[in-house]
C-alpha cells in the first residue's frame, strides 16, 4: 500500500493527498465515498478482498476559508524546481529578489526566484535587465493544483478529471 489517494471535498474540490491506509479508514467509517479505484489492485485480508482506492470524496463539507500556498523559502524553491532561474544550476541555491530590496523590492511570489550563489552575487544590487541576466521563467504565484503535481512529480491519470475541472 505505497500509493497516494486524492481527497476531494464534498463539492469535488481537491483538498489533499493521503495514504491508502488513511483513505481506507475514512471509507470504513463512512466519512468518505469512493469515486475511483485502481482496477487491478486489491487490498487482501484473511477473510476478504477490498478495492484499492485512488480518489475519494468526503461526505461532509470541510470549510477552508482561503487556500493559499504560503510564501516560504522551501516553497519558492519547489516552484522553481530546485533550479537557478538564471543559469539552470542545481547546486548552492539561495533566493534572489528580482527587484532588490534596496530599491523597494518586497518579499512576494512575483519578486522572489531561486538562484545559485554565483548568479546571485553576479546580479548584485541590480535588476536582471541591468545585469544582463535573463530569467529562465518569470516568477509567479503558484496554485494548489500545480503543487499537487510538483510534490508527487506528476499526477495519476484518474486524478486529472478532478484536478483540472
N, C-alpha and C. Protein backbone atom coordinates (compact mmCIF):
# COMPACT_ATOMS: atom_id res chain seq x y z
N UNK A 1 0.84 -1.18 0.00
CA UNK A 1 0.00 0.00 0.00
C UNK A 1 0.88 1.24 0.00
N UNK A 2 1.58 1.43 -1.09
CA UNK A 2 2.53 2.52 -1.18
C UNK A 2 2.05 3.66 -2.08
N UNK A 3 0.78 3.69 -2.41
CA UNK A 3 0.23 4.73 -3.29
C UNK A 3 -0.35 5.87 -2.48
N UNK A 4 -0.72 6.91 -3.19
CA UNK A 4 -1.41 8.04 -2.60
C UNK A 4 -2.83 8.08 -3.13
N UNK A 5 -3.70 8.71 -2.36
CA UNK A 5 -5.10 8.83 -2.72
C UNK A 5 -5.46 10.31 -2.72
N UNK A 6 -6.14 10.75 -3.76
CA UNK A 6 -6.61 12.13 -3.85
C UNK A 6 -7.88 12.26 -3.02
N UNK A 7 -7.91 13.26 -2.13
CA UNK A 7 -9.07 13.50 -1.29
C UNK A 7 -9.77 14.76 -1.78
N UNK A 8 -11.06 14.61 -2.11
CA UNK A 8 -11.86 15.74 -2.58
C UNK A 8 -12.85 16.16 -1.50
N UNK A 9 -13.15 17.45 -1.47
CA UNK A 9 -14.17 17.95 -0.58
C UNK A 9 -15.53 17.50 -1.09
N UNK A 10 -16.59 17.76 -0.36
CA UNK A 10 -17.92 17.34 -0.78
C UNK A 10 -18.31 17.97 -2.12
N UNK A 11 -17.77 19.16 -2.41
CA UNK A 11 -18.09 19.84 -3.67
C UNK A 11 -17.09 19.49 -4.79
N UNK A 12 -16.33 18.43 -4.61
CA UNK A 12 -15.38 17.89 -5.59
C UNK A 12 -14.12 18.74 -5.77
N UNK A 13 -13.88 19.68 -4.89
CA UNK A 13 -12.64 20.46 -4.96
C UNK A 13 -11.52 19.66 -4.30
N UNK A 14 -10.32 19.63 -4.90
CA UNK A 14 -9.20 18.89 -4.29
C UNK A 14 -8.84 19.49 -2.94
N UNK A 15 -8.72 18.62 -1.94
CA UNK A 15 -8.35 19.06 -0.59
C UNK A 15 -6.93 18.68 -0.25
N UNK A 16 -6.61 17.41 -0.45
CA UNK A 16 -5.29 16.94 -0.06
C UNK A 16 -5.00 15.59 -0.69
N UNK A 17 -3.87 15.06 -0.30
CA UNK A 17 -3.46 13.73 -0.72
C UNK A 17 -3.17 12.95 0.56
N UNK A 18 -3.66 11.73 0.63
CA UNK A 18 -3.42 10.93 1.83
C UNK A 18 -2.96 9.53 1.42
N UNK A 19 -2.62 8.76 2.42
CA UNK A 19 -2.17 7.39 2.17
C UNK A 19 -3.37 6.49 1.92
N UNK A 20 -3.11 5.32 1.38
CA UNK A 20 -4.17 4.34 1.16
C UNK A 20 -4.76 3.91 2.50
N UNK A 21 -3.91 3.74 3.53
CA UNK A 21 -4.39 3.35 4.85
C UNK A 21 -5.38 4.38 5.39
N UNK A 22 -5.03 5.64 5.30
CA UNK A 22 -5.92 6.71 5.80
C UNK A 22 -7.23 6.73 5.02
N UNK A 23 -7.15 6.56 3.71
CA UNK A 23 -8.37 6.58 2.89
C UNK A 23 -9.28 5.40 3.24
N UNK A 24 -8.69 4.24 3.53
CA UNK A 24 -9.50 3.08 3.92
C UNK A 24 -10.22 3.33 5.24
N UNK A 25 -9.55 4.00 6.18
CA UNK A 25 -10.21 4.35 7.44
C UNK A 25 -11.40 5.26 7.18
N UNK A 26 -11.21 6.27 6.34
CA UNK A 26 -12.31 7.19 6.02
C UNK A 26 -13.47 6.46 5.34
N UNK A 27 -13.16 5.50 4.47
CA UNK A 27 -14.20 4.74 3.80
C UNK A 27 -14.94 3.82 4.77
N UNK A 28 -14.21 3.12 5.64
CA UNK A 28 -14.85 2.22 6.60
C UNK A 28 -15.71 2.97 7.61
N UNK A 29 -15.27 4.16 8.00
CA UNK A 29 -16.04 4.96 8.95
C UNK A 29 -17.17 5.73 8.27
N UNK A 30 -17.29 5.53 6.97
CA UNK A 30 -18.31 6.19 6.14
C UNK A 30 -18.22 7.71 6.20
N UNK A 31 -17.00 8.21 6.34
CA UNK A 31 -16.76 9.64 6.29
C UNK A 31 -16.45 10.07 4.87
N UNK A 32 -16.20 9.10 4.00
CA UNK A 32 -15.88 9.39 2.60
C UNK A 32 -16.51 8.32 1.72
N UNK A 33 -16.61 8.65 0.44
CA UNK A 33 -17.11 7.67 -0.53
C UNK A 33 -16.07 7.50 -1.63
N UNK A 34 -16.02 6.33 -2.19
CA UNK A 34 -15.07 6.00 -3.24
C UNK A 34 -15.57 6.55 -4.58
N UNK A 35 -14.69 7.27 -5.27
CA UNK A 35 -15.03 7.77 -6.61
C UNK A 35 -14.31 7.01 -7.70
N UNK A 36 -13.09 6.59 -7.40
CA UNK A 36 -12.31 5.87 -8.40
C UNK A 36 -11.36 4.91 -7.68
N UNK A 37 -11.21 3.71 -8.23
CA UNK A 37 -10.30 2.74 -7.65
C UNK A 37 -9.25 2.34 -8.68
N UNK A 38 -8.25 1.61 -8.24
CA UNK A 38 -7.23 1.07 -9.12
C UNK A 38 -7.72 -0.31 -9.54
N UNK A 39 -8.07 -0.50 -10.82
CA UNK A 39 -8.77 -1.71 -11.26
C UNK A 39 -8.07 -3.03 -10.95
N UNK A 40 -6.79 -3.13 -11.12
CA UNK A 40 -6.11 -4.42 -11.00
C UNK A 40 -5.47 -4.65 -9.63
N UNK A 41 -5.76 -3.79 -8.66
CA UNK A 41 -5.17 -3.95 -7.34
C UNK A 41 -6.25 -4.15 -6.31
N UNK A 42 -5.96 -4.98 -5.33
CA UNK A 42 -6.89 -5.26 -4.24
C UNK A 42 -6.12 -5.19 -2.92
N UNK A 43 -6.85 -4.90 -1.87
CA UNK A 43 -6.30 -4.98 -0.52
C UNK A 43 -6.85 -6.28 0.06
N UNK A 44 -5.95 -7.19 0.43
CA UNK A 44 -6.37 -8.51 0.89
C UNK A 44 -6.26 -8.60 2.41
N UNK A 45 -7.27 -9.18 3.00
CA UNK A 45 -7.23 -9.53 4.41
C UNK A 45 -7.41 -11.05 4.49
N UNK A 46 -7.47 -11.57 5.68
CA UNK A 46 -7.63 -13.01 5.86
C UNK A 46 -8.96 -13.46 5.26
N UNK A 47 -10.01 -12.67 5.46
CA UNK A 47 -11.35 -13.09 5.04
C UNK A 47 -11.88 -12.41 3.79
N UNK A 48 -11.28 -11.31 3.36
CA UNK A 48 -11.90 -10.53 2.29
C UNK A 48 -10.88 -9.86 1.37
N UNK A 49 -11.39 -9.39 0.25
CA UNK A 49 -10.64 -8.54 -0.67
C UNK A 49 -11.38 -7.21 -0.76
N UNK A 50 -10.63 -6.12 -0.73
CA UNK A 50 -11.23 -4.79 -0.82
C UNK A 50 -10.64 -4.04 -2.00
N UNK A 51 -11.41 -3.09 -2.49
CA UNK A 51 -10.94 -2.25 -3.60
C UNK A 51 -9.73 -1.42 -3.14
N UNK A 52 -8.94 -1.01 -4.10
CA UNK A 52 -7.75 -0.20 -3.83
C UNK A 52 -8.08 1.23 -4.26
N UNK A 53 -8.34 2.15 -3.31
CA UNK A 53 -8.82 3.49 -3.67
C UNK A 53 -7.77 4.35 -4.36
N UNK A 54 -8.27 5.22 -5.23
CA UNK A 54 -7.41 6.19 -5.90
C UNK A 54 -7.93 7.61 -5.68
N UNK A 55 -9.26 7.77 -5.69
CA UNK A 55 -9.89 9.08 -5.45
C UNK A 55 -11.08 8.86 -4.52
N UNK A 56 -11.13 9.64 -3.44
CA UNK A 56 -12.28 9.58 -2.54
C UNK A 56 -12.84 10.99 -2.36
N UNK A 57 -14.12 11.04 -1.95
CA UNK A 57 -14.79 12.33 -1.70
C UNK A 57 -15.37 12.31 -0.30
N UNK A 58 -15.12 13.35 0.45
CA UNK A 58 -15.66 13.45 1.81
C UNK A 58 -17.16 13.64 1.76
N UNK A 59 -17.86 13.05 2.71
CA UNK A 59 -19.33 13.17 2.77
C UNK A 59 -19.77 14.49 3.38
N UNK A 60 -18.94 15.07 4.26
CA UNK A 60 -19.23 16.38 4.85
C UNK A 60 -18.32 17.42 4.25
N UNK A 61 -18.85 18.61 4.06
CA UNK A 61 -18.06 19.71 3.50
C UNK A 61 -17.10 20.24 4.56
N UNK A 62 -15.85 20.38 4.19
CA UNK A 62 -14.84 20.96 5.07
C UNK A 62 -14.62 22.40 4.62
N UNK A 63 -14.92 23.35 5.50
CA UNK A 63 -14.79 24.76 5.13
C UNK A 63 -13.33 25.20 5.26
N UNK A 64 -12.76 25.59 4.15
CA UNK A 64 -11.41 26.12 4.14
C UNK A 64 -11.54 27.56 3.65
N UNK A 65 -11.31 28.54 4.52
CA UNK A 65 -11.60 29.93 4.17
C UNK A 65 -10.93 30.39 2.87
N UNK A 66 -9.64 30.16 2.76
CA UNK A 66 -8.94 30.61 1.57
C UNK A 66 -7.68 29.78 1.45
N UNK A 67 -7.58 29.02 0.40
CA UNK A 67 -6.41 28.16 0.26
C UNK A 67 -5.34 28.89 -0.55
N UNK A 68 -4.33 29.29 0.16
CA UNK A 68 -3.18 29.93 -0.48
C UNK A 68 -1.94 29.16 -0.08
N UNK A 69 -1.03 29.08 -0.97
CA UNK A 69 0.24 28.43 -0.65
C UNK A 69 1.12 29.47 0.03
N UNK A 70 1.64 29.11 1.17
CA UNK A 70 2.42 30.03 1.99
C UNK A 70 3.74 30.37 1.29
N UNK A 71 4.08 31.64 1.32
CA UNK A 71 5.36 32.09 0.76
C UNK A 71 6.46 31.69 1.74
N UNK A 72 7.32 30.78 1.32
CA UNK A 72 8.45 30.35 2.14
C UNK A 72 9.61 30.00 1.21
N UNK A 73 10.78 29.97 1.77
CA UNK A 73 11.97 29.61 1.00
C UNK A 73 11.79 28.25 0.33
N UNK A 74 11.31 27.30 1.11
CA UNK A 74 11.11 25.94 0.59
C UNK A 74 10.12 25.92 -0.58
N UNK A 75 9.02 26.65 -0.45
CA UNK A 75 8.00 26.66 -1.49
C UNK A 75 8.47 27.40 -2.75
N UNK A 76 9.26 28.46 -2.59
CA UNK A 76 9.80 29.16 -3.77
C UNK A 76 10.73 28.22 -4.52
N UNK A 77 11.57 27.50 -3.78
CA UNK A 77 12.49 26.56 -4.44
C UNK A 77 11.72 25.41 -5.09
N UNK A 78 10.65 24.98 -4.46
CA UNK A 78 9.82 23.91 -5.04
C UNK A 78 9.17 24.41 -6.34
N UNK A 79 8.65 25.65 -6.30
CA UNK A 79 8.03 26.22 -7.50
C UNK A 79 9.04 26.29 -8.65
N UNK A 80 10.28 26.65 -8.33
CA UNK A 80 11.32 26.81 -9.35
C UNK A 80 12.06 25.50 -9.63
N UNK A 81 11.55 24.40 -9.11
CA UNK A 81 12.09 23.05 -9.34
C UNK A 81 13.56 22.91 -8.93
N UNK A 82 13.93 23.56 -7.83
CA UNK A 82 15.28 23.46 -7.27
C UNK A 82 16.34 23.80 -8.32
N UNK A 83 16.06 24.82 -9.14
CA UNK A 83 16.96 25.18 -10.23
C UNK A 83 17.18 26.69 -10.26
N UNK A 84 18.41 27.09 -10.47
CA UNK A 84 18.72 28.52 -10.61
C UNK A 84 17.97 29.06 -11.82
N UNK A 85 17.27 30.15 -11.64
CA UNK A 85 16.46 30.72 -12.72
C UNK A 85 17.27 31.58 -13.69
N UNK A 86 18.58 31.68 -13.44
CA UNK A 86 19.45 32.40 -14.36
C UNK A 86 20.33 31.46 -15.19
N UNK A 87 20.91 30.44 -14.55
CA UNK A 87 21.86 29.57 -15.27
C UNK A 87 21.47 28.09 -15.26
N UNK A 88 20.38 27.73 -14.61
CA UNK A 88 19.87 26.35 -14.52
C UNK A 88 20.72 25.42 -13.66
N UNK A 89 21.59 25.98 -12.84
CA UNK A 89 22.38 25.16 -11.92
C UNK A 89 21.46 24.60 -10.84
N UNK A 90 21.85 23.46 -10.27
CA UNK A 90 21.05 22.84 -9.22
C UNK A 90 21.81 22.75 -7.90
N UNK A 91 22.93 23.46 -7.80
CA UNK A 91 23.71 23.39 -6.56
C UNK A 91 23.93 24.78 -5.98
N UNK A 92 24.18 24.82 -4.67
CA UNK A 92 24.47 26.06 -3.94
C UNK A 92 23.36 27.10 -4.14
N UNK A 93 22.12 26.69 -3.91
CA UNK A 93 20.97 27.54 -4.20
C UNK A 93 20.60 28.47 -3.05
N UNK A 94 20.11 29.63 -3.42
CA UNK A 94 19.64 30.63 -2.49
C UNK A 94 18.46 31.35 -3.12
N UNK A 95 17.90 32.34 -2.44
CA UNK A 95 16.81 33.13 -3.01
C UNK A 95 17.33 34.47 -3.47
N UNK A 96 16.76 34.98 -4.54
CA UNK A 96 17.14 36.29 -5.09
C UNK A 96 15.90 37.14 -5.27
N UNK A 97 16.00 38.41 -4.92
CA UNK A 97 14.93 39.36 -5.18
C UNK A 97 15.13 39.92 -6.59
N UNK A 98 14.14 39.76 -7.46
CA UNK A 98 14.24 40.27 -8.83
C UNK A 98 14.44 41.79 -8.78
N UNK A 99 13.58 42.48 -8.07
CA UNK A 99 13.80 43.90 -7.77
C UNK A 99 14.42 43.93 -6.38
N UNK A 100 15.68 44.37 -6.27
CA UNK A 100 16.37 44.30 -4.98
C UNK A 100 15.62 45.04 -3.87
N UNK A 101 15.77 44.54 -2.64
CA UNK A 101 15.11 45.15 -1.50
C UNK A 101 15.53 46.60 -1.33
N UNK A 102 16.78 46.92 -1.65
CA UNK A 102 17.27 48.29 -1.50
C UNK A 102 16.56 49.25 -2.46
N UNK A 103 15.90 48.71 -3.48
CA UNK A 103 15.16 49.53 -4.45
C UNK A 103 13.66 49.39 -4.28
N UNK A 104 13.25 48.90 -3.13
CA UNK A 104 11.82 48.79 -2.85
C UNK A 104 11.22 47.44 -3.17
N UNK A 105 12.03 46.47 -3.51
CA UNK A 105 11.53 45.13 -3.78
C UNK A 105 11.00 44.48 -2.51
N UNK A 106 9.93 43.76 -2.64
CA UNK A 106 9.31 43.14 -1.47
C UNK A 106 9.43 41.62 -1.54
N UNK A 107 9.16 41.00 -0.40
CA UNK A 107 9.11 39.54 -0.36
C UNK A 107 7.75 39.11 -0.89
N UNK A 108 7.69 38.68 -2.14
CA UNK A 108 6.44 38.23 -2.74
C UNK A 108 6.75 37.14 -3.75
N UNK A 109 5.71 36.38 -4.10
CA UNK A 109 5.87 35.32 -5.09
C UNK A 109 6.39 35.87 -6.40
N UNK A 110 5.96 37.08 -6.75
CA UNK A 110 6.31 37.66 -8.05
C UNK A 110 7.69 38.32 -8.04
N UNK A 111 8.34 38.43 -6.87
CA UNK A 111 9.63 39.09 -6.80
C UNK A 111 10.76 38.17 -6.31
N UNK A 112 10.46 36.95 -5.92
CA UNK A 112 11.49 36.02 -5.45
C UNK A 112 11.71 34.90 -6.45
N UNK A 113 12.96 34.56 -6.70
CA UNK A 113 13.31 33.43 -7.55
C UNK A 113 14.45 32.66 -6.90
N UNK A 114 14.61 31.41 -7.30
CA UNK A 114 15.73 30.60 -6.86
C UNK A 114 16.93 30.94 -7.73
N UNK A 115 18.07 31.17 -7.08
CA UNK A 115 19.30 31.49 -7.81
C UNK A 115 20.47 30.80 -7.13
N UNK A 116 21.45 30.42 -7.91
CA UNK A 116 22.66 29.86 -7.29
C UNK A 116 23.45 31.04 -6.70
N UNK A 117 24.31 30.75 -5.78
CA UNK A 117 25.07 31.80 -5.10
C UNK A 117 25.89 32.63 -6.09
N UNK A 118 26.46 31.96 -7.08
CA UNK A 118 27.30 32.65 -8.08
C UNK A 118 26.48 33.69 -8.86
N UNK A 119 25.29 33.30 -9.33
CA UNK A 119 24.44 34.24 -10.08
C UNK A 119 23.91 35.34 -9.19
N UNK A 120 23.59 35.01 -7.95
CA UNK A 120 23.07 36.00 -7.03
C UNK A 120 24.12 37.08 -6.75
N UNK A 121 25.37 36.68 -6.56
CA UNK A 121 26.45 37.64 -6.34
C UNK A 121 26.69 38.45 -7.61
N UNK A 122 26.68 37.79 -8.76
CA UNK A 122 26.91 38.47 -10.04
C UNK A 122 25.84 39.53 -10.32
N UNK A 123 24.60 39.20 -10.01
CA UNK A 123 23.50 40.14 -10.22
C UNK A 123 23.59 41.31 -9.25
N UNK A 124 23.98 41.01 -8.02
CA UNK A 124 24.18 42.06 -7.02
C UNK A 124 22.94 42.87 -6.74
N UNK A 125 23.10 44.17 -6.68
CA UNK A 125 22.02 45.09 -6.33
C UNK A 125 21.40 45.71 -7.58
N UNK A 126 21.24 44.86 -8.60
CA UNK A 126 20.67 45.35 -9.87
C UNK A 126 19.47 44.51 -10.26
N UNK A 127 18.71 44.99 -11.21
CA UNK A 127 17.62 44.19 -11.76
C UNK A 127 18.22 43.23 -12.79
N UNK A 128 17.52 42.18 -13.18
CA UNK A 128 18.06 41.27 -14.18
C UNK A 128 18.41 41.98 -15.50
N UNK A 129 17.61 42.97 -15.89
CA UNK A 129 17.88 43.70 -17.14
C UNK A 129 19.18 44.48 -17.03
N UNK A 130 19.39 45.15 -15.90
CA UNK A 130 20.62 45.92 -15.70
C UNK A 130 21.84 45.03 -15.66
N UNK A 131 21.70 43.84 -15.10
CA UNK A 131 22.82 42.89 -15.01
C UNK A 131 22.96 42.06 -16.27
N UNK A 132 22.04 42.27 -17.22
CA UNK A 132 22.03 41.49 -18.48
C UNK A 132 21.97 39.99 -18.20
N UNK A 133 21.09 39.65 -17.26
CA UNK A 133 20.87 38.25 -16.89
C UNK A 133 19.38 37.98 -17.06
N UNK A 134 19.04 37.17 -18.04
CA UNK A 134 17.64 36.87 -18.31
C UNK A 134 17.15 35.75 -17.41
N UNK A 135 15.92 35.89 -16.95
CA UNK A 135 15.29 34.84 -16.16
C UNK A 135 14.82 33.72 -17.10
N UNK A 136 15.02 32.48 -16.69
CA UNK A 136 14.54 31.33 -17.47
C UNK A 136 13.02 31.30 -17.48
N UNK A 137 12.43 31.71 -16.35
CA UNK A 137 10.98 31.70 -16.20
C UNK A 137 10.60 32.82 -15.23
N UNK A 138 9.59 33.59 -15.59
CA UNK A 138 9.16 34.68 -14.73
C UNK A 138 8.53 34.13 -13.45
N UNK A 139 8.78 34.77 -12.31
CA UNK A 139 8.19 34.30 -11.06
C UNK A 139 6.68 34.50 -11.05
N UNK A 140 5.97 33.58 -10.39
CA UNK A 140 4.51 33.63 -10.36
C UNK A 140 4.01 33.04 -9.05
N UNK A 141 2.78 33.38 -8.70
CA UNK A 141 2.14 32.80 -7.51
C UNK A 141 1.58 31.44 -7.92
N UNK A 142 2.05 30.35 -7.30
CA UNK A 142 1.56 29.02 -7.68
C UNK A 142 0.14 28.79 -7.17
N UNK A 143 -0.55 27.88 -7.82
CA UNK A 143 -1.87 27.49 -7.36
C UNK A 143 -1.77 26.09 -6.78
N UNK A 144 -2.76 25.71 -6.00
CA UNK A 144 -2.72 24.45 -5.27
C UNK A 144 -2.58 23.24 -6.19
N UNK A 145 -3.21 23.26 -7.34
CA UNK A 145 -3.17 22.12 -8.25
C UNK A 145 -1.75 21.87 -8.75
N UNK A 146 -1.01 22.94 -9.05
CA UNK A 146 0.36 22.73 -9.52
C UNK A 146 1.24 22.16 -8.41
N UNK A 147 0.93 22.51 -7.15
CA UNK A 147 1.71 21.94 -6.07
C UNK A 147 1.42 20.46 -5.89
N UNK A 148 0.16 20.03 -6.10
CA UNK A 148 -0.14 18.60 -6.09
C UNK A 148 0.75 17.89 -7.11
N UNK A 149 0.82 18.45 -8.30
CA UNK A 149 1.60 17.85 -9.38
C UNK A 149 3.08 17.82 -9.04
N UNK A 150 3.61 18.95 -8.54
CA UNK A 150 5.04 19.05 -8.30
C UNK A 150 5.51 18.25 -7.09
N UNK A 151 4.67 18.16 -6.06
CA UNK A 151 5.04 17.38 -4.87
C UNK A 151 5.23 15.92 -5.24
N UNK A 152 4.35 15.42 -6.08
CA UNK A 152 4.38 14.00 -6.43
C UNK A 152 5.16 13.70 -7.70
N UNK A 153 5.64 14.72 -8.39
CA UNK A 153 6.34 14.51 -9.64
C UNK A 153 5.40 14.12 -10.76
N UNK A 154 4.17 14.54 -10.68
CA UNK A 154 3.15 14.21 -11.67
C UNK A 154 1.90 13.73 -10.97
N UNK A 155 0.83 13.60 -11.70
CA UNK A 155 -0.41 13.12 -11.11
C UNK A 155 -0.87 11.87 -11.84
N UNK A 156 -1.63 11.06 -11.14
CA UNK A 156 -2.15 9.84 -11.73
C UNK A 156 -3.23 10.20 -12.76
N UNK A 157 -3.35 9.39 -13.77
CA UNK A 157 -4.33 9.65 -14.85
C UNK A 157 -5.75 9.81 -14.33
N UNK A 158 -6.15 8.98 -13.37
CA UNK A 158 -7.52 9.05 -12.88
C UNK A 158 -7.77 10.26 -11.99
N UNK A 159 -6.74 11.01 -11.60
CA UNK A 159 -6.91 12.24 -10.83
C UNK A 159 -7.20 13.43 -11.73
N UNK A 160 -6.75 13.38 -12.96
CA UNK A 160 -6.82 14.56 -13.84
C UNK A 160 -8.22 15.15 -14.00
N UNK A 161 -9.27 14.35 -14.18
CA UNK A 161 -10.61 14.98 -14.30
C UNK A 161 -11.01 15.79 -13.07
N UNK A 162 -10.50 15.42 -11.90
CA UNK A 162 -10.86 16.13 -10.67
C UNK A 162 -9.96 17.33 -10.41
N UNK A 163 -8.73 17.29 -10.87
CA UNK A 163 -7.80 18.39 -10.64
C UNK A 163 -7.95 19.52 -11.66
N UNK A 164 -8.32 19.18 -12.87
CA UNK A 164 -8.36 20.19 -13.93
C UNK A 164 -9.78 20.48 -14.39
N UNK A 165 -10.71 20.54 -13.44
CA UNK A 165 -12.12 20.81 -13.78
C UNK A 165 -12.26 22.26 -14.22
